[in-house]
Amino acid sequence: MNWEMISAVGQMLGAVGVIISIIYLAAQIRNQNKESQRAAMNVLTTHWSDLNRSLVENPDLAALWLHALRSFDQLDGASKLRFGAHLGRFLRFADNLYLAVLDGTLDKRLWRGYERTLADTVAYPGFQTWWATRKHWHTDEFCALIDRHIQTAKPKIYEGYN
């Protein structure tokens, strides 16, 4: 074996080593991206639960929520503000979730559950009254989604809640 042959074998082994390293690095990056996505989904789910906890822990807010969804206009000023603030938080978070779905950060399977909750909420006339004057606060993509749901949704989720 001459030096040229040894050099060629060495270069070939070096190239194979580089290819293996690149494959390993790609696998590590892929795993890290999946783990980051899982962590982001866990944070989003926790925030969603925290937001809904206020309805569970505050009976006055829960009663206001049900009344306001049926008729926003019949509320007094303080109740409109309170309902609007809670609904604003709810929708701001949902807007962020929707953008996360669009950019691939949030799994579409998880989003479908959130979207169904939104669709059930936007079906009510109180929501629609509130939304008409505040939709400009949200992204165009989210506004289009909500408006589509308003066109097709029927109020049913809270029927029988008195």
C-alpha atoms as a PDB file:
ATOM      1  CA  MET A   1       0.000   0.000   0.000  1.00  0.00           C
ATOM      2  CA  ASN A   2       1.372   3.376  -0.926  1.00  0.00           C
ATOM      3  CA  TRP A   3       0.898   6.745   0.739  1.00  0.00           C
ATOM      4  CA  GLU A   4      -1.722   7.869  -1.783  1.00  0.00           C
ATOM      5  CA  MET A   5      -3.851   4.841  -1.011  1.00  0.00           C
ATOM      6  CA  ILE A   6      -3.507   5.419   2.755  1.00  0.00           C
ATOM      7  CA  SER A   7      -4.417   9.074   2.243  1.00  0.00           C
ATOM      8  CA  ALA A   8      -7.491   8.160   0.170  1.00  0.00           C
ATOM      9  CA  VAL A   9      -8.664   5.654   2.807  1.00  0.00           C
ATOM     10  CA  GLY A  10      -8.090   8.271   5.518  1.00  0.00           C
ATOM     11  CA  GLN A  11     -10.108  10.875   3.585  1.00  0.00           C
ATOM     12  CA  MET A  12     -12.870   8.387   3.013  1.00  0.00           C
ATOM     13  CA  LEU A  13     -13.000   7.462   6.711  1.00  0.00           C
ATOM     14  CA  GLY A  14     -12.981  11.167   7.565  1.00  0.00           C
ATOM     15  CA  ALA A  15     -15.898  11.789   5.195  1.00  0.00           C
ATOM     16  CA  VAL A  16     -17.836   8.878   6.709  1.00  0.00           C
ATOM     17  CA  GLY A  17     -17.147  10.329  10.169  1.00  0.00           C
ATOM     18  CA  VAL A  18     -18.454  13.737   9.082  1.00  0.00           C
ATOM     19  CA  ILE A  19     -21.601  12.153   7.615  1.00  0.00           C
ATOM     20  CA  ILE A  20     -22.221  10.190  10.825  1.00  0.00           C
ATOM     21  CA  SER A  21     -21.696  13.357  12.875  1.00  0.00           C
ATOM     22  CA  ILE A  22     -24.144  15.304  10.706  1.00  0.00           C
ATOM     23  CA  ILE A  23     -26.755  12.551  11.007  1.00  0.00           C
ATOM     24  CA  TYR A  24     -26.289  12.462  14.777  1.00  0.00           C
ATOM     25  CA  LEU A  25     -26.535  16.258  15.003  1.00  0.00           C
ATOM     26  CA  ALA A  26     -29.718  16.275  12.895  1.00  0.00           C
ATOM     27  CA  ALA A  27     -31.274  13.618  15.147  1.00  0.00           C
ATOM     28  CA  GLN A  28     -30.351  15.627  18.252  1.00  0.00           C
ATOM     29  CA  ILE A  29     -31.821  18.821  16.800  1.00  0.00           C
ATOM     30  CA  ARG A  30     -35.000  16.991  15.830  1.00  0.00           C
ATOM     31  CA  ASN A  31     -35.365  15.554  19.339  1.00  0.00           C
ATOM     32  CA  GLN A  32     -34.697  18.965  20.868  1.00  0.00           C
ATOM     33  CA  ASN A  33     -37.336  20.565  18.626  1.00  0.00           C
ATOM     34  CA  LYS A  34     -39.899  17.931  19.627  1.00  0.00           C
ATOM     35  CA  GLU A  35     -39.091  18.446  23.287  1.00  0.00           C
ATOM     36  CA  SER A  36     -39.407  22.222  22.881  1.00  0.00           C
ATOM     37  CA  GLN A  37     -42.766  21.754  21.175  1.00  0.00           C
ATOM     38  CA  ARG A  38     -43.970  19.479  23.991  1.00  0.00           C
ATOM     39  CA  ALA A  39     -42.839  22.009  26.592  1.00  0.00           C
ATOM     40  CA  ALA A  40     -44.640  24.820  24.744  1.00  0.00           C
ATOM     41  CA  MET A  41     -47.832  22.745  24.554  1.00  0.00           C
ATOM     42  CA  ASN A  42     -47.626  22.006  28.288  1.00  0.00           C
ATOM     43  CA  VAL A  43     -47.229  25.700  29.094  1.00  0.00           C
ATOM     44  CA  LEU A  44     -50.153  26.623  26.849  1.00  0.00           C
ATOM     45  CA  THR A  45     -52.352  23.938  28.384  1.00  0.00           C
ATOM     46  CA  THR A  46     -51.453  25.089  31.893  1.00  0.00           C
ATOM     47  CA  HIS A  47     -52.288  28.701  31.041  1.00  0.00           C
ATOM     48  CA  TRP A  48     -55.629  27.638  29.535  1.00  0.00           C
ATOM     49  CA  SER A  49     -56.476  25.706  32.693  1.00  0.00           C
ATOM     50  CA  ASP A  50     -55.483  28.659  34.865  1.00  0.00           C
ATOM     51  CA  LEU A  51     -57.732  30.946  32.855  1.00  0.00           C
ATOM     52  CA  ASN A  52     -60.710  28.619  33.226  1.00  0.00           C
ATOM     53  CA  ARG A  53     -60.021  28.160  36.930  1.00  0.00           C
ATOM     54  CA  SER A  54     -61.350  31.671  37.575  1.00  0.00           C
ATOM     55  CA  LEU A  55     -64.832  30.521  36.502  1.00  0.00           C
ATOM     56  CA  VAL A  56     -64.621  27.498  38.765  1.00  0.00           C
ATOM     57  CA  GLU A  57     -63.326  29.325  41.820  1.00  0.00           C
ATOM     58  CA  ASN A  58     -65.510  32.418  41.539  1.00  0.00           C
ATOM     59  CA  PRO A  59     -69.256  31.685  41.557  1.00  0.00           C
ATOM     60  CA  ASP A  60     -70.114  35.340  40.853  1.00  0.00           C
ATOM     61  CA  LEU A  61     -67.982  35.320  37.726  1.00  0.00           C
ATOM     62  CA  ALA A  62     -69.510  32.019  36.622  1.00  0.00           C
ATOM     63  CA  ALA A  63     -73.023  33.467  37.010  1.00  0.00           C
ATOM     64  CA  LEU A  64     -71.964  36.623  35.180  1.00  0.00           C
ATOM     65  CA  TRP A  65     -70.460  34.517  32.372  1.00  0.00           C
ATOM     66  CA  LEU A  66     -73.722  32.652  31.798  1.00  0.00           C
ATOM     67  CA  HIS A  67     -75.856  35.804  31.966  1.00  0.00           C
ATOM     68  CA  ALA A  68     -73.526  37.854  29.749  1.00  0.00           C
ATOM     69  CA  LEU A  69     -73.323  35.216  27.030  1.00  0.00           C
ATOM     70  CA  ARG A  70     -77.090  35.343  26.723  1.00  0.00           C
ATOM     71  CA  SER A  71     -77.344  39.146  26.737  1.00  0.00           C
ATOM     72  CA  PHE A  72     -74.375  41.469  27.042  1.00  0.00           C
ATOM     73  CA  ASP A  73     -76.571  44.557  26.648  1.00  0.00           C
ATOM     74  CA  GLN A  74     -78.594  43.781  29.785  1.00  0.00           C
ATOM     75  CA  LEU A  75     -75.531  44.004  32.035  1.00  0.00           C
ATOM     76  CA  ASP A  76     -74.674  47.033  34.136  1.00  0.00           C
ATOM     77  CA  GLY A  77     -71.442  48.862  33.366  1.00  0.00           C
ATOM     78  CA  ALA A  78     -69.292  47.116  35.970  1.00  0.00           C
ATOM     79  CA  SER A  79     -70.532  43.694  34.875  1.00  0.00           C
ATOM     80  CA  LYS A  80     -69.847  44.528  31.224  1.00  0.00           C
ATOM     81  CA  LEU A  81     -66.316  45.521  32.181  1.00  0.00           C
ATOM     82  CA  ARG A  82     -65.757  42.392  34.251  1.00  0.00           C
ATOM     83  CA  PHE A  83     -67.183  40.048  31.625  1.00  0.00           C
ATOM     84  CA  GLY A  84     -65.297  41.877  28.868  1.00  0.00           C
ATOM     85  CA  ALA A  85     -62.017  41.663  30.764  1.00  0.00           C
ATOM     86  CA  HIS A  86     -62.405  37.929  31.298  1.00  0.00           C
ATOM     87  CA  LEU A  87     -63.521  37.356  27.721  1.00  0.00           C
ATOM     88  CA  GLY A  88     -60.638  39.514  26.519  1.00  0.00           C
ATOM     89  CA  ARG A  89     -58.142  37.334  28.396  1.00  0.00           C
ATOM     90  CA  PHE A  90     -59.849  34.214  27.087  1.00  0.00           C
ATOM     91  CA  LEU A  91     -59.691  35.413  23.489  1.00  0.00           C
ATOM     92  CA  ARG A  92     -56.178  36.851  23.713  1.00  0.00           C
ATOM     93  CA  PHE A  93     -54.984  33.476  24.854  1.00  0.00           C
ATOM     94  CA  ALA A  94     -56.994  31.674  22.171  1.00  0.00           C
ATOM     95  CA  ASP A  95     -55.549  34.068  19.564  1.00  0.00           C
ATOM     96  CA  ASN A  96     -52.046  33.128  20.716  1.00  0.00           C
ATOM     97  CA  LEU A  97     -52.936  29.443  20.580  1.00  0.00           C
ATOM     98  CA  TYR A  98     -54.277  29.824  17.060  1.00  0.00           C
ATOM     99  CA  LEU A  99     -51.105  31.548  15.899  1.00  0.00           C
ATOM    100  CA  ALA A 100     -49.114  28.735  17.528  1.00  0.00           C
ATOM    101  CA  VAL A 101     -51.113  26.228  15.477  1.00  0.00           C
ATOM    102  CA  LEU A 102     -50.561  28.187  12.291  1.00  0.00           C
ATOM    103  CA  ASP A 103     -46.788  28.319  12.819  1.00  0.00           C
ATOM    104  CA  GLY A 104     -46.594  24.659  13.874  1.00  0.00           C
ATOM    105  CA  THR A 105     -45.745  25.203  17.557  1.00  0.00           C
ATOM    106  CA  LEU A 106     -49.014  23.737  18.804  1.00  0.00           C
ATOM    107  CA  ASP A 107     -50.207  20.327  17.701  1.00  0.00           C
ATOM    108  CA  LYS A 108     -53.373  20.605  15.612  1.00  0.00           C
ATOM    109  CA  ARG A 109     -54.922  17.736  17.545  1.00  0.00           C
ATOM    110  CA  LEU A 110     -54.679  19.719  20.770  1.00  0.00           C
ATOM    111  CA  TRP A 111     -55.982  22.866  19.067  1.00  0.00           C
ATOM    112  CA  ARG A 112     -59.174  21.128  17.935  1.00  0.00           C
ATOM    113  CA  GLY A 113     -60.363  20.880  21.546  1.00  0.00           C
ATOM    114  CA  TYR A 114     -59.692  24.570  22.148  1.00  0.00           C
ATOM    115  CA  GLU A 115     -61.413  25.459  18.902  1.00  0.00           C
ATOM    116  CA  ARG A 116     -64.539  23.533  19.878  1.00  0.00           C
ATOM    117  CA  THR A 117     -64.655  25.487  23.143  1.00  0.00           C
ATOM    118  CA  LEU A 118     -64.402  28.713  21.164  1.00  0.00           C
ATOM    119  CA  ALA A 119     -67.106  27.639  18.738  1.00  0.00           C
ATOM    120  CA  ASP A 120     -69.473  26.863  21.604  1.00  0.00           C
ATOM    121  CA  THR A 121     -68.764  30.242  23.229  1.00  0.00           C
ATOM    122  CA  VAL A 122     -69.055  32.429  20.129  1.00  0.00           C
ATOM    123  CA  ALA A 123     -72.477  30.990  19.309  1.00  0.00           C
ATOM    124  CA  TYR A 124     -74.110  33.112  22.011  1.00  0.00           C
ATOM    125  CA  PRO A 125     -75.597  36.535  21.289  1.00  0.00           C
ATOM    126  CA  GLY A 126     -73.848  38.167  24.261  1.00  0.00           C
ATOM    127  CA  PHE A 127     -70.488  37.146  22.873  1.00  0.00           C
ATOM    128  CA  GLN A 128     -71.407  38.392  19.425  1.00  0.00           C
ATOM    129  CA  THR A 129     -72.465  41.795  20.777  1.00  0.00           C
ATOM    130  CA  TRP A 130     -69.183  42.124  22.664  1.00  0.00           C
ATOM    131  CA  TRP A 131     -67.128  40.857  19.706  1.00  0.00           C
ATOM    132  CA  ALA A 132     -68.583  43.290  17.191  1.00  0.00           C
ATOM    133  CA  THR A 133     -66.937  46.251  18.921  1.00  0.00           C
ATOM    134  CA  ARG A 134     -63.693  44.583  19.989  1.00  0.00           C
ATOM    135  CA  LYS A 135     -62.635  42.234  17.211  1.00  0.00           C
ATOM    136  CA  HIS A 136     -60.145  44.832  15.984  1.00  0.00           C
ATOM    137  CA  TRP A 137     -58.033  43.949  19.044  1.00  0.00           C
ATOM    138  CA  HIS A 138     -57.113  40.587  17.510  1.00  0.00           C
ATOM    139  CA  THR A 139     -55.113  39.225  14.608  1.00  0.00           C
ATOM    140  CA  ASP A 140     -56.780  39.067  11.212  1.00  0.00           C
ATOM    141  CA  GLU A 141     -56.383  35.299  11.135  1.00  0.00           C
ATOM    142  CA  PHE A 142     -58.129  34.881  14.466  1.00  0.00           C
ATOM    143  CA  CYS A 143     -60.920  37.302  13.526  1.00  0.00           C
ATOM    144  CA  ALA A 144     -61.609  35.275  10.395  1.00  0.00           C
ATOM    145  CA  LEU A 145     -61.745  32.072  12.457  1.00  0.00           C
ATOM    146  CA  ILE A 146     -64.154  33.540  15.003  1.00  0.00           C
ATOM    147  CA  ASP A 147     -66.352  35.064  12.303  1.00  0.00           C
ATOM    148  CA  ARG A 148     -66.561  31.682  10.544  1.00  0.00           C
ATOM    149  CA  HIS A 149     -67.654  30.053  13.786  1.00  0.00           C
ATOM    150  CA  ILE A 150     -70.237  32.759  14.423  1.00  0.00           C
ATOM    151  CA  GLN A 151     -71.778  31.999  11.031  1.00  0.00           C
ATOM    152  CA  THR A 152     -72.211  28.299  11.751  1.00  0.00           C
ATOM    153  CA  ALA A 153     -72.390  27.848  15.530  1.00  0.00           C
ATOM    154  CA  LYS A 154     -75.611  27.336  17.419  1.00  0.00           C
ATOM    155  CA  PRO A 155     -75.904  28.158  21.123  1.00  0.00           C
ATOM    156  CA  LYS A 156     -76.280  24.871  22.932  1.00  0.00           C
ATOM    157  CA  ILE A 157     -73.455  24.246  25.401  1.00  0.00           C
ATOM    158  CA  TYR A 158     -75.027  26.274  28.245  1.00  0.00           C
ATOM    159  CA  GLU A 159     -78.649  25.479  27.487  1.00  0.00           C
ATOM    160  CA  GLY A 160     -80.279  24.265  30.680  1.00  0.00           C
ATOM    161  CA  TYR A 161     -77.834  26.198  32.899  1.00  0.00           C
ATOM    162  CA  ASN A 162     -80.080  28.540  34.846  1.00  0.00           C
END
